[in-house]
């Protein structure tokens, strides 16, 4: 149930331009600096859990942005043809 509430929150955050991207950017450095995952050949990469969390968050932001854009288009069409 908590994941659904979080996903709805991400959709709402997506209604505000750029808020979600700034929010995710602020969350990245501590995670990567504190817990780098290092492959056998010495390559650093993000943990799969963090990658999936970013994917879910950005998907929610994208849905919110689509709702915002559709709302603006509807308002524009209404203003043009009323």
N, C-alpha and C. Protein backbone atom coordinates (compact mmCIF):
# COMPACT_ATOMS: atom_id res chain seq x y z
N UNK A 1 0.83 -1.20 0.00
CA UNK A 1 0.00 0.00 0.00
C UNK A 1 0.87 1.26 0.00
N UNK A 2 1.98 1.23 0.74
CA UNK A 2 2.85 2.39 0.83
C UNK A 2 3.47 2.73 -0.52
N UNK A 3 3.82 1.70 -1.32
CA UNK A 3 4.40 1.95 -2.65
C UNK A 3 3.42 2.69 -3.54
N UNK A 4 2.12 2.36 -3.44
CA UNK A 4 1.13 3.04 -4.26
C UNK A 4 0.99 4.50 -3.86
N UNK A 5 1.04 4.78 -2.56
CA UNK A 5 0.98 6.16 -2.10
C UNK A 5 2.20 6.92 -2.58
N UNK A 6 3.37 6.28 -2.52
CA UNK A 6 4.59 6.91 -3.02
C UNK A 6 4.49 7.18 -4.52
N UNK A 7 3.95 6.23 -5.27
CA UNK A 7 3.79 6.42 -6.72
C UNK A 7 2.84 7.57 -7.03
N UNK A 8 1.76 7.68 -6.28
CA UNK A 8 0.83 8.80 -6.48
C UNK A 8 1.53 10.12 -6.16
N UNK A 9 2.35 10.12 -5.13
CA UNK A 9 3.13 11.31 -4.80
C UNK A 9 4.06 11.71 -5.92
N UNK A 10 4.68 10.72 -6.57
CA UNK A 10 5.58 11.03 -7.69
C UNK A 10 4.81 11.61 -8.87
N UNK A 11 3.60 11.13 -9.09
CA UNK A 11 2.77 11.69 -10.16
C UNK A 11 2.44 13.15 -9.84
N UNK A 12 2.11 13.43 -8.59
CA UNK A 12 1.80 14.80 -8.19
C UNK A 12 3.02 15.70 -8.31
N UNK A 13 4.19 15.18 -7.94
CA UNK A 13 5.43 15.95 -8.09
C UNK A 13 5.68 16.24 -9.57
N UNK A 14 5.33 15.29 -10.44
CA UNK A 14 5.51 15.48 -11.87
C UNK A 14 4.68 16.60 -12.46
N UNK A 15 3.64 17.04 -11.74
CA UNK A 15 2.83 18.14 -12.23
C UNK A 15 3.58 19.48 -12.17
N UNK A 16 4.61 19.54 -11.34
CA UNK A 16 5.41 20.77 -11.22
C UNK A 16 6.65 20.61 -12.10
N UNK A 17 6.87 21.50 -13.05
CA UNK A 17 8.01 21.35 -13.97
C UNK A 17 9.35 21.26 -13.23
N UNK A 18 10.14 20.27 -13.58
CA UNK A 18 11.52 20.06 -13.13
C UNK A 18 11.68 19.70 -11.65
N UNK A 19 10.64 19.70 -10.86
CA UNK A 19 10.78 19.40 -9.45
C UNK A 19 11.30 17.97 -9.24
N UNK A 20 10.75 17.01 -9.98
CA UNK A 20 11.17 15.62 -9.83
C UNK A 20 12.62 15.39 -10.19
N UNK A 21 13.07 16.01 -11.27
CA UNK A 21 14.47 15.83 -11.68
C UNK A 21 15.43 16.42 -10.66
N UNK A 22 15.09 17.59 -10.13
CA UNK A 22 15.94 18.19 -9.09
C UNK A 22 15.94 17.32 -7.85
N UNK A 23 14.80 16.78 -7.50
CA UNK A 23 14.68 15.91 -6.32
C UNK A 23 15.54 14.67 -6.48
N UNK A 24 15.50 14.04 -7.64
CA UNK A 24 16.32 12.85 -7.87
C UNK A 24 17.80 13.19 -7.89
N UNK A 25 18.16 14.31 -8.48
CA UNK A 25 19.56 14.72 -8.54
C UNK A 25 20.13 14.91 -7.13
N UNK A 26 19.32 15.49 -6.25
CA UNK A 26 19.77 15.71 -4.88
C UNK A 26 19.93 14.40 -4.12
N UNK A 27 19.24 13.35 -4.52
CA UNK A 27 19.33 12.06 -3.82
C UNK A 27 20.50 11.21 -4.29
N UNK A 28 21.05 11.47 -5.46
CA UNK A 28 22.08 10.58 -6.01
C UNK A 28 23.44 10.61 -5.32
N UNK A 29 24.08 11.76 -5.11
CA UNK A 29 25.46 11.74 -4.63
C UNK A 29 25.69 10.97 -3.32
N UNK A 30 24.88 11.15 -2.27
CA UNK A 30 25.18 10.40 -1.04
C UNK A 30 25.12 8.89 -1.24
N UNK A 31 24.16 8.44 -2.00
CA UNK A 31 24.02 7.00 -2.27
C UNK A 31 25.26 6.46 -2.98
N UNK A 32 25.72 7.16 -4.00
CA UNK A 32 26.84 6.66 -4.79
C UNK A 32 28.16 6.79 -4.06
N UNK A 33 28.36 7.87 -3.30
CA UNK A 33 29.61 8.04 -2.59
C UNK A 33 29.75 7.06 -1.43
N UNK A 34 28.64 6.80 -0.74
CA UNK A 34 28.69 5.96 0.45
C UNK A 34 28.78 4.47 0.12
N UNK A 35 28.10 4.04 -0.92
CA UNK A 35 28.02 2.61 -1.21
C UNK A 35 28.27 2.30 -2.68
N UNK A 36 29.45 2.59 -3.20
CA UNK A 36 29.67 2.23 -4.60
C UNK A 36 29.73 0.71 -4.74
N UNK A 37 29.14 0.21 -5.79
CA UNK A 37 29.21 -1.21 -6.10
C UNK A 37 30.32 -1.37 -7.14
N UNK A 38 31.30 -2.21 -6.84
CA UNK A 38 32.45 -2.36 -7.72
C UNK A 38 32.45 -3.76 -8.31
N UNK A 39 32.53 -3.81 -9.63
CA UNK A 39 32.54 -5.08 -10.35
C UNK A 39 33.93 -5.73 -10.20
N UNK A 40 34.06 -6.96 -10.69
CA UNK A 40 35.31 -7.70 -10.60
C UNK A 40 36.45 -6.96 -11.30
N UNK A 41 36.14 -6.28 -12.41
CA UNK A 41 37.18 -5.57 -13.15
C UNK A 41 37.41 -4.15 -12.63
N UNK A 42 36.78 -3.78 -11.52
CA UNK A 42 36.99 -2.48 -10.90
C UNK A 42 36.03 -1.41 -11.35
N UNK A 43 35.06 -1.76 -12.19
CA UNK A 43 34.08 -0.79 -12.68
C UNK A 43 33.04 -0.52 -11.59
N UNK A 44 32.78 0.76 -11.32
CA UNK A 44 31.74 1.13 -10.36
C UNK A 44 30.40 1.24 -11.08
N UNK A 45 29.35 0.83 -10.42
CA UNK A 45 28.01 0.95 -10.99
C UNK A 45 27.00 1.07 -9.87
N UNK A 46 25.78 1.50 -10.21
CA UNK A 46 24.72 1.64 -9.22
C UNK A 46 24.16 0.28 -8.89
N UNK A 47 23.69 0.13 -7.68
CA UNK A 47 23.03 -1.11 -7.31
C UNK A 47 21.70 -1.22 -8.06
N UNK A 48 21.27 -2.43 -8.34
CA UNK A 48 20.04 -2.63 -9.11
C UNK A 48 18.83 -2.11 -8.34
N UNK A 49 18.87 -2.14 -7.02
CA UNK A 49 17.76 -1.62 -6.22
C UNK A 49 17.61 -0.12 -6.45
N UNK A 50 18.71 0.61 -6.46
CA UNK A 50 18.66 2.06 -6.68
C UNK A 50 18.22 2.38 -8.10
N UNK A 51 18.67 1.60 -9.07
CA UNK A 51 18.27 1.82 -10.45
C UNK A 51 16.76 1.62 -10.60
N UNK A 52 16.21 0.59 -10.00
CA UNK A 52 14.76 0.36 -10.09
C UNK A 52 13.99 1.45 -9.36
N UNK A 53 14.53 1.96 -8.24
CA UNK A 53 13.88 3.05 -7.52
C UNK A 53 13.85 4.31 -8.37
N UNK A 54 14.96 4.62 -9.03
CA UNK A 54 15.00 5.78 -9.92
C UNK A 54 14.01 5.59 -11.06
N UNK A 55 13.93 4.38 -11.62
CA UNK A 55 13.01 4.10 -12.72
C UNK A 55 11.57 4.35 -12.30
N UNK A 56 11.19 3.85 -11.13
CA UNK A 56 9.82 4.05 -10.64
C UNK A 56 9.54 5.54 -10.42
N UNK A 57 10.50 6.24 -9.81
CA UNK A 57 10.31 7.66 -9.54
C UNK A 57 10.16 8.45 -10.83
N UNK A 58 11.06 8.24 -11.78
CA UNK A 58 11.01 8.99 -13.04
C UNK A 58 9.77 8.65 -13.86
N UNK A 59 9.30 7.42 -13.76
CA UNK A 59 8.06 7.05 -14.45
C UNK A 59 6.88 7.82 -13.87
N UNK A 60 6.84 7.94 -12.54
CA UNK A 60 5.78 8.73 -11.91
C UNK A 60 5.83 10.18 -12.32
N UNK A 61 7.06 10.74 -12.36
CA UNK A 61 7.20 12.13 -12.79
C UNK A 61 6.73 12.30 -14.23
N UNK A 62 7.05 11.33 -15.08
CA UNK A 62 6.65 11.40 -16.48
C UNK A 62 5.13 11.38 -16.62
N UNK A 63 4.46 10.53 -15.86
CA UNK A 63 3.00 10.48 -15.90
C UNK A 63 2.41 11.82 -15.47
N UNK A 64 2.97 12.40 -14.41
CA UNK A 64 2.51 13.73 -13.98
C UNK A 64 2.71 14.78 -15.04
N UNK A 65 3.85 14.71 -15.74
CA UNK A 65 4.12 15.67 -16.81
C UNK A 65 3.13 15.51 -17.96
N UNK A 66 2.76 14.27 -18.27
CA UNK A 66 1.77 14.02 -19.33
C UNK A 66 0.42 14.61 -18.92
N UNK A 67 0.02 14.40 -17.66
CA UNK A 67 -1.24 14.99 -17.18
C UNK A 67 -1.20 16.50 -17.27
N UNK A 68 -0.06 17.10 -16.88
CA UNK A 68 0.07 18.55 -16.93
C UNK A 68 -0.05 19.05 -18.37
N UNK A 69 0.62 18.38 -19.28
CA UNK A 69 0.59 18.77 -20.69
C UNK A 69 -0.82 18.63 -21.26
N UNK A 70 -1.48 17.52 -20.98
CA UNK A 70 -2.85 17.34 -21.46
C UNK A 70 -3.78 18.42 -20.91
N UNK A 71 -3.60 18.75 -19.64
CA UNK A 71 -4.41 19.81 -19.04
C UNK A 71 -4.20 21.15 -19.73
N UNK A 72 -2.95 21.46 -20.02
CA UNK A 72 -2.66 22.71 -20.71
C UNK A 72 -3.23 22.74 -22.13
N UNK A 73 -3.17 21.61 -22.82
CA UNK A 73 -3.73 21.53 -24.17
C UNK A 73 -5.25 21.70 -24.12
N UNK A 74 -5.90 21.06 -23.16
CA UNK A 74 -7.36 21.19 -23.02
C UNK A 74 -7.72 22.64 -22.72
N UNK A 75 -6.98 23.29 -21.83
CA UNK A 75 -7.25 24.71 -21.53
C UNK A 75 -7.05 25.59 -22.76
N UNK A 76 -6.00 25.31 -23.53
CA UNK A 76 -5.75 26.08 -24.74
C UNK A 76 -6.87 25.90 -25.76
N UNK A 77 -7.28 24.66 -25.99
CA UNK A 77 -8.38 24.41 -26.94
C UNK A 77 -9.68 25.02 -26.46
N UNK A 78 -9.94 24.95 -25.17
CA UNK A 78 -11.15 25.55 -24.63
C UNK A 78 -11.14 27.05 -24.83
N UNK A 79 -9.98 27.68 -24.62
CA UNK A 79 -9.86 29.13 -24.78
C UNK A 79 -10.02 29.53 -26.26
N UNK A 80 -9.53 28.70 -27.16
CA UNK A 80 -9.62 29.01 -28.59
C UNK A 80 -11.03 28.84 -29.15
N UNK A 81 -11.75 27.84 -28.69
CA UNK A 81 -13.03 27.49 -29.30
C UNK A 81 -14.25 27.75 -28.43
N UNK A 82 -14.13 28.55 -27.40
CA UNK A 82 -15.32 28.80 -26.55
C UNK A 82 -16.22 29.83 -27.16
